[in-house]
Amino acid sequence: MKNWFIMLGIDILIPLLMMLFGWLLEHNAIYGYRTSMSMKNNDTWVFANRYCGKLWIKCGLILLFISVILMLTVIKASSDTVDIMATIICLIQLIPLVGTIYPVEKALKNNFDEKGNRK
């Protein structure tokens, strides 16, 4: 049971971090949505981070719910089963984490030219 709580904590870490970073919007040199297009100027950086932040908040909430439900299915299982389920959940959580790059870059291209000027 102790192992289950540890693994649940690990599994809810990614969605919680996604939601946290979704709310942090100030321009800085440490964190944020950082691609060549988003870093053209402050306008593109703010747009990209707000857009990505909204996606991450939505994905984080959905992943948090799914992660807890999936972990509840193995609450009485062996330690090995809990570990396997937690690993699978973490790998699944990486898909939307990385998958937000495409819609953010598309939104940037739709709203800015290649030099970072608004269309």
N, C-alpha and C. Protein backbone atom coordinates (compact mmCIF):
# COMPACT_ATOMS: atom_id res chain seq x y z
N MET A 1 0.82 -1.19 0.00
CA MET A 1 0.00 0.00 0.00
C MET A 1 0.87 1.26 0.00
N LYS A 2 1.98 1.24 0.74
CA LYS A 2 2.89 2.38 0.78
C LYS A 2 3.42 2.67 -0.62
N ASN A 3 3.77 1.63 -1.34
CA ASN A 3 4.27 1.78 -2.71
C ASN A 3 3.22 2.42 -3.60
N TRP A 4 1.96 2.09 -3.39
CA TRP A 4 0.87 2.63 -4.20
C TRP A 4 0.79 4.15 -4.03
N PHE A 5 0.90 4.64 -2.81
CA PHE A 5 0.84 6.08 -2.55
C PHE A 5 2.02 6.81 -3.18
N ILE A 6 3.19 6.21 -3.11
CA ILE A 6 4.38 6.81 -3.72
C ILE A 6 4.19 6.91 -5.23
N MET A 7 3.74 5.84 -5.84
CA MET A 7 3.55 5.82 -7.29
C MET A 7 2.43 6.76 -7.71
N LEU A 8 1.38 6.86 -6.92
CA LEU A 8 0.32 7.81 -7.22
C LEU A 8 0.88 9.23 -7.19
N GLY A 9 1.69 9.52 -6.19
CA GLY A 9 2.32 10.83 -6.09
C GLY A 9 3.17 11.16 -7.30
N ILE A 10 3.92 10.17 -7.77
CA ILE A 10 4.74 10.36 -8.96
C ILE A 10 3.86 10.59 -10.19
N ASP A 11 2.78 9.82 -10.29
CA ASP A 11 1.91 9.93 -11.45
C ASP A 11 1.12 11.24 -11.51
N ILE A 12 0.84 11.83 -10.37
CA ILE A 12 0.11 13.10 -10.43
C ILE A 12 1.07 14.29 -10.54
N LEU A 13 2.37 14.02 -10.45
CA LEU A 13 3.36 15.09 -10.54
C LEU A 13 3.35 15.76 -11.92
N ILE A 14 3.33 15.00 -13.00
CA ILE A 14 3.36 15.59 -14.34
C ILE A 14 2.12 16.45 -14.59
N PRO A 15 0.90 15.95 -14.33
CA PRO A 15 -0.26 16.83 -14.55
C PRO A 15 -0.23 18.09 -13.68
N LEU A 16 0.22 17.97 -12.43
CA LEU A 16 0.28 19.14 -11.57
C LEU A 16 1.30 20.15 -12.06
N LEU A 17 2.45 19.66 -12.53
CA LEU A 17 3.46 20.56 -13.09
C LEU A 17 2.96 21.22 -14.37
N MET A 18 2.22 20.47 -15.20
CA MET A 18 1.66 21.05 -16.41
C MET A 18 0.72 22.19 -16.05
N MET A 19 -0.12 21.98 -15.06
CA MET A 19 -1.06 23.03 -14.66
C MET A 19 -0.32 24.22 -14.05
N LEU A 20 0.70 23.95 -13.22
CA LEU A 20 1.47 25.03 -12.60
C LEU A 20 2.15 25.88 -13.67
N PHE A 21 2.85 25.25 -14.59
CA PHE A 21 3.54 26.00 -15.63
C PHE A 21 2.55 26.65 -16.60
N GLY A 22 1.34 26.12 -16.67
CA GLY A 22 0.30 26.76 -17.47
C GLY A 22 -0.10 28.11 -16.92
N TRP A 23 0.07 28.32 -15.61
CA TRP A 23 -0.29 29.59 -14.99
C TRP A 23 0.88 30.58 -14.95
N LEU A 24 2.10 30.10 -15.09
CA LEU A 24 3.27 30.97 -15.02
C LEU A 24 3.57 31.54 -16.40
N LEU A 25 3.39 32.83 -16.56
CA LEU A 25 3.48 33.43 -17.88
C LEU A 25 4.61 34.45 -18.04
N GLU A 26 5.28 34.85 -16.99
CA GLU A 26 6.25 35.91 -17.14
C GLU A 26 7.46 35.47 -17.96
N HIS A 27 7.99 36.37 -18.77
CA HIS A 27 9.13 36.09 -19.63
C HIS A 27 10.38 35.93 -18.77
N ASN A 28 11.09 34.86 -18.96
CA ASN A 28 12.28 34.59 -18.16
C ASN A 28 13.23 33.71 -18.95
N ALA A 29 14.40 33.48 -18.41
CA ALA A 29 15.42 32.70 -19.10
C ALA A 29 15.48 31.25 -18.63
N ILE A 30 14.60 30.85 -17.72
CA ILE A 30 14.70 29.52 -17.14
C ILE A 30 13.64 28.56 -17.65
N TYR A 31 12.39 28.97 -17.67
CA TYR A 31 11.31 28.06 -18.07
C TYR A 31 10.37 28.76 -19.02
N GLY A 32 9.54 27.97 -19.65
CA GLY A 32 8.55 28.49 -20.59
C GLY A 32 8.61 27.73 -21.89
N TYR A 33 7.69 28.06 -22.77
CA TYR A 33 7.64 27.44 -24.09
C TYR A 33 8.71 28.11 -24.95
N ARG A 34 9.77 27.37 -25.23
CA ARG A 34 10.93 27.95 -25.88
C ARG A 34 11.25 27.24 -27.20
N THR A 35 10.81 27.83 -28.28
CA THR A 35 11.18 27.37 -29.61
C THR A 35 11.71 28.58 -30.37
N SER A 36 12.28 28.36 -31.53
CA SER A 36 12.82 29.50 -32.27
C SER A 36 11.73 30.50 -32.62
N MET A 37 10.53 30.03 -32.96
CA MET A 37 9.44 30.94 -33.29
C MET A 37 8.93 31.68 -32.06
N SER A 38 8.80 30.99 -30.95
CA SER A 38 8.27 31.65 -29.75
C SER A 38 9.25 32.67 -29.17
N MET A 39 10.52 32.53 -29.48
CA MET A 39 11.54 33.42 -28.93
C MET A 39 11.89 34.58 -29.86
N LYS A 40 11.13 34.77 -30.94
CA LYS A 40 11.41 35.88 -31.88
C LYS A 40 11.36 37.23 -31.18
N ASN A 41 10.36 37.43 -30.35
CA ASN A 41 10.21 38.68 -29.61
C ASN A 41 9.28 38.43 -28.42
N ASN A 42 9.05 39.46 -27.64
CA ASN A 42 8.22 39.30 -26.45
C ASN A 42 6.77 38.97 -26.80
N ASP A 43 6.26 39.53 -27.91
CA ASP A 43 4.88 39.27 -28.32
C ASP A 43 4.67 37.79 -28.66
N THR A 44 5.60 37.21 -29.41
CA THR A 44 5.47 35.78 -29.75
C THR A 44 5.66 34.91 -28.52
N TRP A 45 6.56 35.33 -27.61
CA TRP A 45 6.80 34.55 -26.40
C TRP A 45 5.55 34.52 -25.52
N VAL A 46 4.94 35.68 -25.32
CA VAL A 46 3.74 35.75 -24.48
C VAL A 46 2.60 34.97 -25.13
N PHE A 47 2.41 35.13 -26.44
CA PHE A 47 1.35 34.40 -27.14
C PHE A 47 1.54 32.89 -27.00
N ALA A 48 2.76 32.41 -27.29
CA ALA A 48 3.04 30.98 -27.25
C ALA A 48 2.85 30.41 -25.84
N ASN A 49 3.32 31.14 -24.84
CA ASN A 49 3.21 30.64 -23.48
C ASN A 49 1.78 30.66 -22.97
N ARG A 50 1.01 31.65 -23.36
CA ARG A 50 -0.41 31.66 -22.96
C ARG A 50 -1.16 30.53 -23.65
N TYR A 51 -0.89 30.35 -24.93
CA TYR A 51 -1.57 29.30 -25.69
C TYR A 51 -1.18 27.92 -25.13
N CYS A 52 0.11 27.71 -24.93
CA CYS A 52 0.58 26.44 -24.38
C CYS A 52 0.07 26.26 -22.95
N GLY A 53 0.05 27.33 -22.18
CA GLY A 53 -0.44 27.25 -20.80
C GLY A 53 -1.87 26.79 -20.72
N LYS A 54 -2.72 27.34 -21.61
CA LYS A 54 -4.12 26.92 -21.63
C LYS A 54 -4.24 25.44 -21.98
N LEU A 55 -3.44 25.00 -22.96
CA LEU A 55 -3.45 23.58 -23.33
C LEU A 55 -2.97 22.71 -22.17
N TRP A 56 -1.91 23.14 -21.50
CA TRP A 56 -1.36 22.36 -20.41
C TRP A 56 -2.30 22.29 -19.22
N ILE A 57 -3.03 23.36 -18.95
CA ILE A 57 -4.00 23.31 -17.85
C ILE A 57 -5.09 22.30 -18.18
N LYS A 58 -5.61 22.34 -19.40
CA LYS A 58 -6.65 21.38 -19.80
C LYS A 58 -6.11 19.95 -19.76
N CYS A 59 -4.95 19.75 -20.37
CA CYS A 59 -4.36 18.40 -20.38
C CYS A 59 -4.02 17.93 -18.98
N GLY A 60 -3.51 18.83 -18.16
CA GLY A 60 -3.15 18.46 -16.79
C GLY A 60 -4.35 18.01 -15.97
N LEU A 61 -5.46 18.72 -16.11
CA LEU A 61 -6.67 18.32 -15.39
C LEU A 61 -7.17 16.96 -15.85
N ILE A 62 -7.17 16.76 -17.16
CA ILE A 62 -7.62 15.47 -17.71
C ILE A 62 -6.68 14.35 -17.27
N LEU A 63 -5.37 14.59 -17.39
CA LEU A 63 -4.40 13.57 -16.99
C LEU A 63 -4.45 13.26 -15.50
N LEU A 64 -4.68 14.28 -14.70
CA LEU A 64 -4.79 14.07 -13.26
C LEU A 64 -5.95 13.13 -12.95
N PHE A 65 -7.09 13.39 -13.55
CA PHE A 65 -8.28 12.55 -13.35
C PHE A 65 -8.01 11.12 -13.82
N ILE A 66 -7.48 10.98 -15.04
CA ILE A 66 -7.21 9.64 -15.60
C ILE A 66 -6.18 8.90 -14.76
N SER A 67 -5.14 9.59 -14.34
CA SER A 67 -4.08 8.96 -13.55
C SER A 67 -4.60 8.40 -12.24
N VAL A 68 -5.40 9.19 -11.55
CA VAL A 68 -5.95 8.72 -10.26
C VAL A 68 -6.86 7.53 -10.48
N ILE A 69 -7.72 7.60 -11.51
CA ILE A 69 -8.63 6.48 -11.80
C ILE A 69 -7.83 5.21 -12.12
N LEU A 70 -6.82 5.35 -12.97
CA LEU A 70 -6.02 4.17 -13.31
C LEU A 70 -5.27 3.61 -12.11
N MET A 71 -4.75 4.48 -11.26
CA MET A 71 -4.05 4.00 -10.07
C MET A 71 -5.00 3.34 -9.09
N LEU A 72 -6.24 3.80 -9.05
CA LEU A 72 -7.23 3.15 -8.18
C LEU A 72 -7.52 1.72 -8.61
N THR A 73 -7.33 1.42 -9.89
CA THR A 73 -7.58 0.05 -10.37
C THR A 73 -6.55 -0.94 -9.84
N VAL A 74 -5.41 -0.44 -9.37
CA VAL A 74 -4.37 -1.34 -8.87
C VAL A 74 -4.08 -1.12 -7.38
N ILE A 75 -5.03 -0.56 -6.67
CA ILE A 75 -4.82 -0.21 -5.27
C ILE A 75 -4.51 -1.45 -4.40
N LYS A 76 -5.06 -2.57 -4.74
CA LYS A 76 -4.83 -3.79 -3.95
C LYS A 76 -3.87 -4.76 -4.65
N ALA A 77 -3.27 -4.33 -5.75
CA ALA A 77 -2.40 -5.21 -6.54
C ALA A 77 -1.02 -5.32 -5.90
N SER A 78 -0.23 -6.21 -6.47
CA SER A 78 1.14 -6.39 -5.98
C SER A 78 1.99 -5.16 -6.30
N SER A 79 3.10 -5.08 -5.64
CA SER A 79 4.01 -3.95 -5.83
C SER A 79 4.49 -3.86 -7.27
N ASP A 80 4.78 -5.01 -7.87
CA ASP A 80 5.22 -5.03 -9.27
C ASP A 80 4.15 -4.49 -10.21
N THR A 81 2.91 -4.86 -9.98
CA THR A 81 1.80 -4.40 -10.81
C THR A 81 1.62 -2.89 -10.68
N VAL A 82 1.73 -2.39 -9.45
CA VAL A 82 1.62 -0.95 -9.22
C VAL A 82 2.74 -0.22 -9.96
N ASP A 83 3.95 -0.74 -9.87
CA ASP A 83 5.09 -0.12 -10.55
C ASP A 83 4.89 -0.09 -12.06
N ILE A 84 4.41 -1.19 -12.62
CA ILE A 84 4.18 -1.26 -14.06
C ILE A 84 3.10 -0.27 -14.48
N MET A 85 2.00 -0.22 -13.74
CA MET A 85 0.92 0.70 -14.06
C MET A 85 1.40 2.15 -13.96
N ALA A 86 2.15 2.47 -12.93
CA ALA A 86 2.66 3.83 -12.75
C ALA A 86 3.59 4.23 -13.90
N THR A 87 4.41 3.29 -14.34
CA THR A 87 5.31 3.55 -15.47
C THR A 87 4.53 3.80 -16.75
N ILE A 88 3.52 2.98 -16.99
CA ILE A 88 2.68 3.15 -18.17
C ILE A 88 1.98 4.51 -18.14
N ILE A 89 1.47 4.88 -16.99
CA ILE A 89 0.79 6.17 -16.84
C ILE A 89 1.75 7.32 -17.13
N CYS A 90 2.95 7.25 -16.59
CA CYS A 90 3.94 8.30 -16.84
C CYS A 90 4.27 8.41 -18.32
N LEU A 91 4.42 7.29 -18.98
CA LEU A 91 4.71 7.32 -20.42
C LEU A 91 3.54 7.91 -21.21
N ILE A 92 2.32 7.57 -20.82
CA ILE A 92 1.14 8.13 -21.48
C ILE A 92 1.07 9.64 -21.25
N GLN A 93 1.45 10.10 -20.07
CA GLN A 93 1.41 11.52 -19.76
C GLN A 93 2.38 12.33 -20.61
N LEU A 94 3.43 11.70 -21.07
CA LEU A 94 4.41 12.41 -21.90
C LEU A 94 3.85 12.76 -23.28
N ILE A 95 2.86 12.00 -23.74
CA ILE A 95 2.29 12.24 -25.08
C ILE A 95 1.68 13.64 -25.18
N PRO A 96 0.74 14.03 -24.32
CA PRO A 96 0.22 15.40 -24.44
C PRO A 96 1.24 16.46 -24.04
N LEU A 97 2.17 16.11 -23.16
CA LEU A 97 3.20 17.06 -22.77
C LEU A 97 4.01 17.50 -24.00
N VAL A 98 4.43 16.54 -24.80
CA VAL A 98 5.19 16.82 -26.01
C VAL A 98 4.24 17.18 -27.16
N GLY A 99 3.06 16.60 -27.15
CA GLY A 99 2.10 16.80 -28.23
C GLY A 99 1.56 18.21 -28.36
N THR A 100 1.74 19.04 -27.35
CA THR A 100 1.26 20.42 -27.44
C THR A 100 2.14 21.28 -28.33
N ILE A 101 3.30 20.80 -28.69
CA ILE A 101 4.20 21.58 -29.54
C ILE A 101 3.53 21.88 -30.88
N TYR A 102 2.94 20.90 -31.52
CA TYR A 102 2.34 21.09 -32.84
C TYR A 102 1.24 22.15 -32.84
N PRO A 103 0.22 22.08 -31.96
CA PRO A 103 -0.81 23.12 -32.01
C PRO A 103 -0.30 24.52 -31.65
N VAL A 104 0.69 24.61 -30.78
CA VAL A 104 1.23 25.92 -30.42
C VAL A 104 1.98 26.51 -31.62
N GLU A 105 2.81 25.70 -32.26
CA GLU A 105 3.54 26.18 -33.43
C GLU A 105 2.59 26.57 -34.57
N LYS A 106 1.53 25.80 -34.74
CA LYS A 106 0.53 26.12 -35.76
C LYS A 106 -0.14 27.45 -35.44
N ALA A 107 -0.50 27.66 -34.20
CA ALA A 107 -1.13 28.92 -33.78
C ALA A 107 -0.17 30.09 -33.98
N LEU A 108 1.11 29.87 -33.68
CA LEU A 108 2.10 30.93 -33.92
C LEU A 108 2.18 31.28 -35.41
N LYS A 109 2.21 30.26 -36.26
CA LYS A 109 2.27 30.50 -37.72
C LYS A 109 1.02 31.20 -38.22
N ASN A 110 -0.12 30.90 -37.61
CA ASN A 110 -1.38 31.54 -38.03
C ASN A 110 -1.48 32.99 -37.57
N ASN A 111 -0.76 33.36 -36.53
CA ASN A 111 -0.89 34.69 -35.96
C ASN A 111 0.32 35.60 -36.20
N PHE A 112 1.45 35.02 -36.59
CA PHE A 112 2.67 35.80 -36.78
C PHE A 112 3.34 35.40 -38.09
N ASP A 113 4.08 36.34 -38.69
CA ASP A 113 4.88 35.99 -39.86
C ASP A 113 6.19 35.39 -39.38
N GLU A 114 7.06 35.02 -40.33
CA GLU A 114 8.30 34.33 -39.95
C GLU A 114 9.29 35.22 -39.18
N LYS A 115 9.06 36.54 -39.20
CA LYS A 115 9.91 37.45 -38.45
C LYS A 115 9.35 37.78 -37.06
N GLY A 116 8.17 37.26 -36.76
CA GLY A 116 7.57 37.47 -35.45
C GLY A 116 6.61 38.65 -35.39
N ASN A 117 6.27 39.21 -36.55
CA ASN A 117 5.31 40.31 -36.59
C ASN A 117 3.89 39.76 -36.68
N ARG A 118 2.96 40.38 -35.97
CA ARG A 118 1.56 39.93 -36.04
C ARG A 118 1.02 40.10 -37.43
N LYS A 119 0.22 39.12 -37.86
CA LYS A 119 -0.41 39.20 -39.18
C LYS A 119 -1.60 40.11 -39.14
